């Protein structure tokens, strides 16, 4: 259901109740969709299975012995002069 912003503000508890019983409720601003009110259950389902940033970073390619050896052998001298 679409709710003009002013109506959604005035009847927010009704918007939340409908989101819980009927599904997502769209709030419009000047006739255009501006926001969606979801039940907590719908929100949790939306996030379920979505990996976190840490999960994404940790799921990169495995470091095999060849890659670890290449990293340990790389030149460790600075690429430019270091000023103290």
C-alpha atoms as a PDB file:
ATOM      1  CA  UNK A   1       0.000   0.000   0.000  1.00  0.00           C
ATOM      2  CA  UNK A   2       1.167   3.566  -0.715  1.00  0.00           C
ATOM      3  CA  UNK A   3       1.064   6.196   1.995  1.00  0.00           C
ATOM      4  CA  UNK A   4       1.598   9.888   1.301  1.00  0.00           C
ATOM      5  CA  UNK A   5       4.216  11.133   3.751  1.00  0.00           C
ATOM      6  CA  UNK A   6       1.811  13.303   5.731  1.00  0.00           C
ATOM      7  CA  UNK A   7      -0.639  10.403   6.165  1.00  0.00           C
ATOM      8  CA  UNK A   8       2.176   8.047   7.148  1.00  0.00           C
ATOM      9  CA  UNK A   9       3.347  10.549   9.783  1.00  0.00           C
ATOM     10  CA  UNK A  10      -0.155  11.017  11.174  1.00  0.00           C
ATOM     11  CA  UNK A  11      -0.952   7.292  11.221  1.00  0.00           C
ATOM     12  CA  UNK A  12       2.469   5.792  11.817  1.00  0.00           C
ATOM     13  CA  UNK A  13       1.209   3.094  14.197  1.00  0.00           C
ATOM     14  CA  UNK A  14      -1.271   1.985  11.525  1.00  0.00           C
ATOM     15  CA  UNK A  15       1.512   1.910   8.905  1.00  0.00           C
ATOM     16  CA  UNK A  16       3.590  -0.307  11.217  1.00  0.00           C
ATOM     17  CA  UNK A  17       0.631  -2.590  11.967  1.00  0.00           C
ATOM     18  CA  UNK A  18      -0.065  -3.014   8.238  1.00  0.00           C
ATOM     19  CA  UNK A  19       3.617  -3.694   7.558  1.00  0.00           C
ATOM     20  CA  UNK A  20       3.468  -6.478  10.125  1.00  0.00           C
ATOM     21  CA  UNK A  21       0.191  -7.982   8.889  1.00  0.00           C
ATOM     22  CA  UNK A  22       0.098  -7.188   5.148  1.00  0.00           C
ATOM     23  CA  UNK A  23       3.719  -6.681   4.120  1.00  0.00           C
ATOM     24  CA  UNK A  24       5.891  -3.729   3.123  1.00  0.00           C
ATOM     25  CA  UNK A  25       4.268  -0.289   3.096  1.00  0.00           C
ATOM     26  CA  UNK A  26       5.546   2.355   0.676  1.00  0.00           C
ATOM     27  CA  UNK A  27       5.740   5.990   1.774  1.00  0.00           C
ATOM     28  CA  UNK A  28       5.550   8.513  -1.042  1.00  0.00           C
ATOM     29  CA  UNK A  29       6.829  12.058  -1.291  1.00  0.00           C
ATOM     30  CA  UNK A  30       5.128  14.201  -3.920  1.00  0.00           C
ATOM     31  CA  UNK A  31       3.708  11.041  -5.456  1.00  0.00           C
ATOM     32  CA  UNK A  32       7.081   9.306  -5.817  1.00  0.00           C
ATOM     33  CA  UNK A  33       8.193   6.320  -3.696  1.00  0.00           C
ATOM     34  CA  UNK A  34      10.498   7.632  -0.967  1.00  0.00           C
ATOM     35  CA  UNK A  35      10.730   4.916   1.691  1.00  0.00           C
ATOM     36  CA  UNK A  36       9.453   1.479   2.618  1.00  0.00           C
ATOM     37  CA  UNK A  37       8.335   0.384   6.072  1.00  0.00           C
ATOM     38  CA  UNK A  38       9.063  -3.311   6.705  1.00  0.00           C
ATOM     39  CA  UNK A  39       8.211  -5.571   9.589  1.00  0.00           C
ATOM     40  CA  UNK A  40      11.195  -6.719  11.620  1.00  0.00           C
ATOM     41  CA  UNK A  41      10.543 -10.248  10.334  1.00  0.00           C
ATOM     42  CA  UNK A  42      10.690  -9.098   6.688  1.00  0.00           C
ATOM     43  CA  UNK A  43      13.843  -7.094   7.399  1.00  0.00           C
ATOM     44  CA  UNK A  44      15.565 -10.078   9.032  1.00  0.00           C
ATOM     45  CA  UNK A  45      14.598 -12.275   6.065  1.00  0.00           C
ATOM     46  CA  UNK A  46      16.029  -9.675   3.701  1.00  0.00           C
ATOM     47  CA  UNK A  47      19.372  -9.750   5.531  1.00  0.00           C
ATOM     48  CA  UNK A  48      19.487 -13.523   6.011  1.00  0.00           C
ATOM     49  CA  UNK A  49      22.332 -15.100   4.134  1.00  0.00           C
ATOM     50  CA  UNK A  50      23.841 -11.764   3.161  1.00  0.00           C
ATOM     51  CA  UNK A  51      27.526 -11.889   4.083  1.00  0.00           C
ATOM     52  CA  UNK A  52      29.059  -9.120   6.146  1.00  0.00           C
ATOM     53  CA  UNK A  53      32.036  -7.097   4.930  1.00  0.00           C
ATOM     54  CA  UNK A  54      34.299  -9.219   7.145  1.00  0.00           C
ATOM     55  CA  UNK A  55      32.861 -12.389   5.594  1.00  0.00           C
ATOM     56  CA  UNK A  56      33.521 -11.013   2.097  1.00  0.00           C
ATOM     57  CA  UNK A  57      37.105 -10.083   2.948  1.00  0.00           C
ATOM     58  CA  UNK A  58      37.843 -13.388   4.624  1.00  0.00           C
ATOM     59  CA  UNK A  59      36.384 -15.397   1.743  1.00  0.00           C
ATOM     60  CA  UNK A  60      39.082 -14.299  -0.682  1.00  0.00           C
ATOM     61  CA  UNK A  61      41.438 -16.748  -2.352  1.00  0.00           C
ATOM     62  CA  UNK A  62      43.328 -19.115  -0.097  1.00  0.00           C
ATOM     63  CA  UNK A  63      47.017 -18.415   0.413  1.00  0.00           C
ATOM     64  CA  UNK A  64      48.860 -21.463  -0.749  1.00  0.00           C
ATOM     65  CA  UNK A  65      52.564 -22.099  -0.067  1.00  0.00           C
ATOM     66  CA  UNK A  66      53.589 -20.582  -3.409  1.00  0.00           C
ATOM     67  CA  UNK A  67      51.826 -17.269  -2.687  1.00  0.00           C
ATOM     68  CA  UNK A  68      53.194 -17.101   0.873  1.00  0.00           C
ATOM     69  CA  UNK A  69      56.724 -17.721  -0.433  1.00  0.00           C
ATOM     70  CA  UNK A  70      56.378 -15.004  -3.088  1.00  0.00           C
ATOM     71  CA  UNK A  71      55.268 -12.483  -0.463  1.00  0.00           C
ATOM     72  CA  UNK A  72      58.127 -13.373   1.869  1.00  0.00           C
ATOM     73  CA  UNK A  73      60.706 -12.978  -0.949  1.00  0.00           C
ATOM     74  CA  UNK A  74      59.518  -9.604  -2.233  1.00  0.00           C
ATOM     75  CA  UNK A  75      61.878  -6.652  -2.015  1.00  0.00           C
ATOM     76  CA  UNK A  76      61.274  -4.885   1.278  1.00  0.00           C
ATOM     77  CA  UNK A  77      63.233  -1.726   0.494  1.00  0.00           C
ATOM     78  CA  UNK A  78      61.098   1.404   0.341  1.00  0.00           C
ATOM     79  CA  UNK A  79      60.071   2.514  -3.151  1.00  0.00           C
ATOM     80  CA  UNK A  80      61.117   6.085  -2.294  1.00  0.00           C
ATOM     81  CA  UNK A  81      63.399   7.784   0.184  1.00  0.00           C
ATOM     82  CA  UNK A  82      62.099   7.980   3.722  1.00  0.00           C
ATOM     83  CA  UNK A  83      62.709  11.371   5.366  1.00  0.00           C
ATOM     84  CA  UNK A  84      63.107  11.574   9.106  1.00  0.00           C
END
